[in-house]
Amino acid sequence: MYKTVFALLSVTLLTSCSGSSDKGKLLATVGDKELYQADLNFLFSHNRYSFDDSVALVNDYTTQWIEEQILVNEAEKSGQIDHEIIEVRVENFKNDLLIQELENGLIKERLDTTVSEDEIQAYYLANQKEFQLNDYLVKVLYLKIPFDAPDIEKIGQAYKLNKESDLEEIQVYAKIYATNFYYDAENWIYFDDLLKEVPLQDVNKDKFILKRSKTRFEEGGFYYFLNIIDYKLKNSISPLSFEKENIKERILNMRIRNLREEIKNEIVNKAYAEQNVKIY
């Protein structure tokens, strides 16, 4: 029944702009609470949806609105609710939102988002304990190739990268035949993240990595080729190149915290200086 009613409401909302008031069509009521067409306009103010998506959006919102009003009505009738406490909480929440919006707007205007290489390096050197590795970092070559791809034995030699020409051969081959391919000589990845892509089973991770293993195996209709080119030991310090974006984010977060405190102090001090505060 709900789906039928809401589908009709949705069609009405999307195809009709006429109504008996500025709010448009009346879509639903719960007790003395009313949901009008205009109350849902915000759903479509910044986005364009297909007709089917719009109908689904209106249906979902209307369902939630009805359920919310039923529960609110029940809460208002309940003798277990302390309405004074609710009003205080609502006022506190409103104040927090207002202050947050003010601070966010001023932070957006003032925040310097440029973080220099010197700042990143200084933070890295001063906070080494924060960058201790809990897992191995590796640099790898990884290929996933369907069974029906050609020249498998040739690739079975090239993935080991014994010759300078091997990498170029692998890259050309991967563009045509590989279902998945990864190689990055500059950047590190966590070995455990690699295992999400490579179905290695019954492997001793420590020995496998420390030996810089090169392995190939078959699984689920695919050939897998994996070459551990380099590694960083777990419990060692993560390399700076791996942590750069993380450090940049930390520096910006510190700037935001400092700006938030600075803005608060400026506004409060200004109010006192202008004698807008009286303490009795």
Foldseek 3Di string as FASTA:
>chain_A
DLLVLLLVLLCCLVPDQDDPDNQAAFRDDDVPDTDGSNNCVVVPPPDDDDSVVSSVVSSVVVVVVNVVVVVVVVVVPDPVDDVVVVVVVVVVVVVVVVLVVVLVVVCVVPADLDDDPVNLVVVCVVPQVVQAFQAKKFFKKKFKFFPPDPPPVVLVVLRQVPDPCSVVVVVVSCVPTTPDIDGDPPEIDGVVVVCVVPVDPPDDVVVCQVVQDWDWDDDDRIIMTMGGPHMDDHRHGDDSVHCRVVSSVVVSVVVSVVSSVVVVVVVVVVCVVVVVDDDD
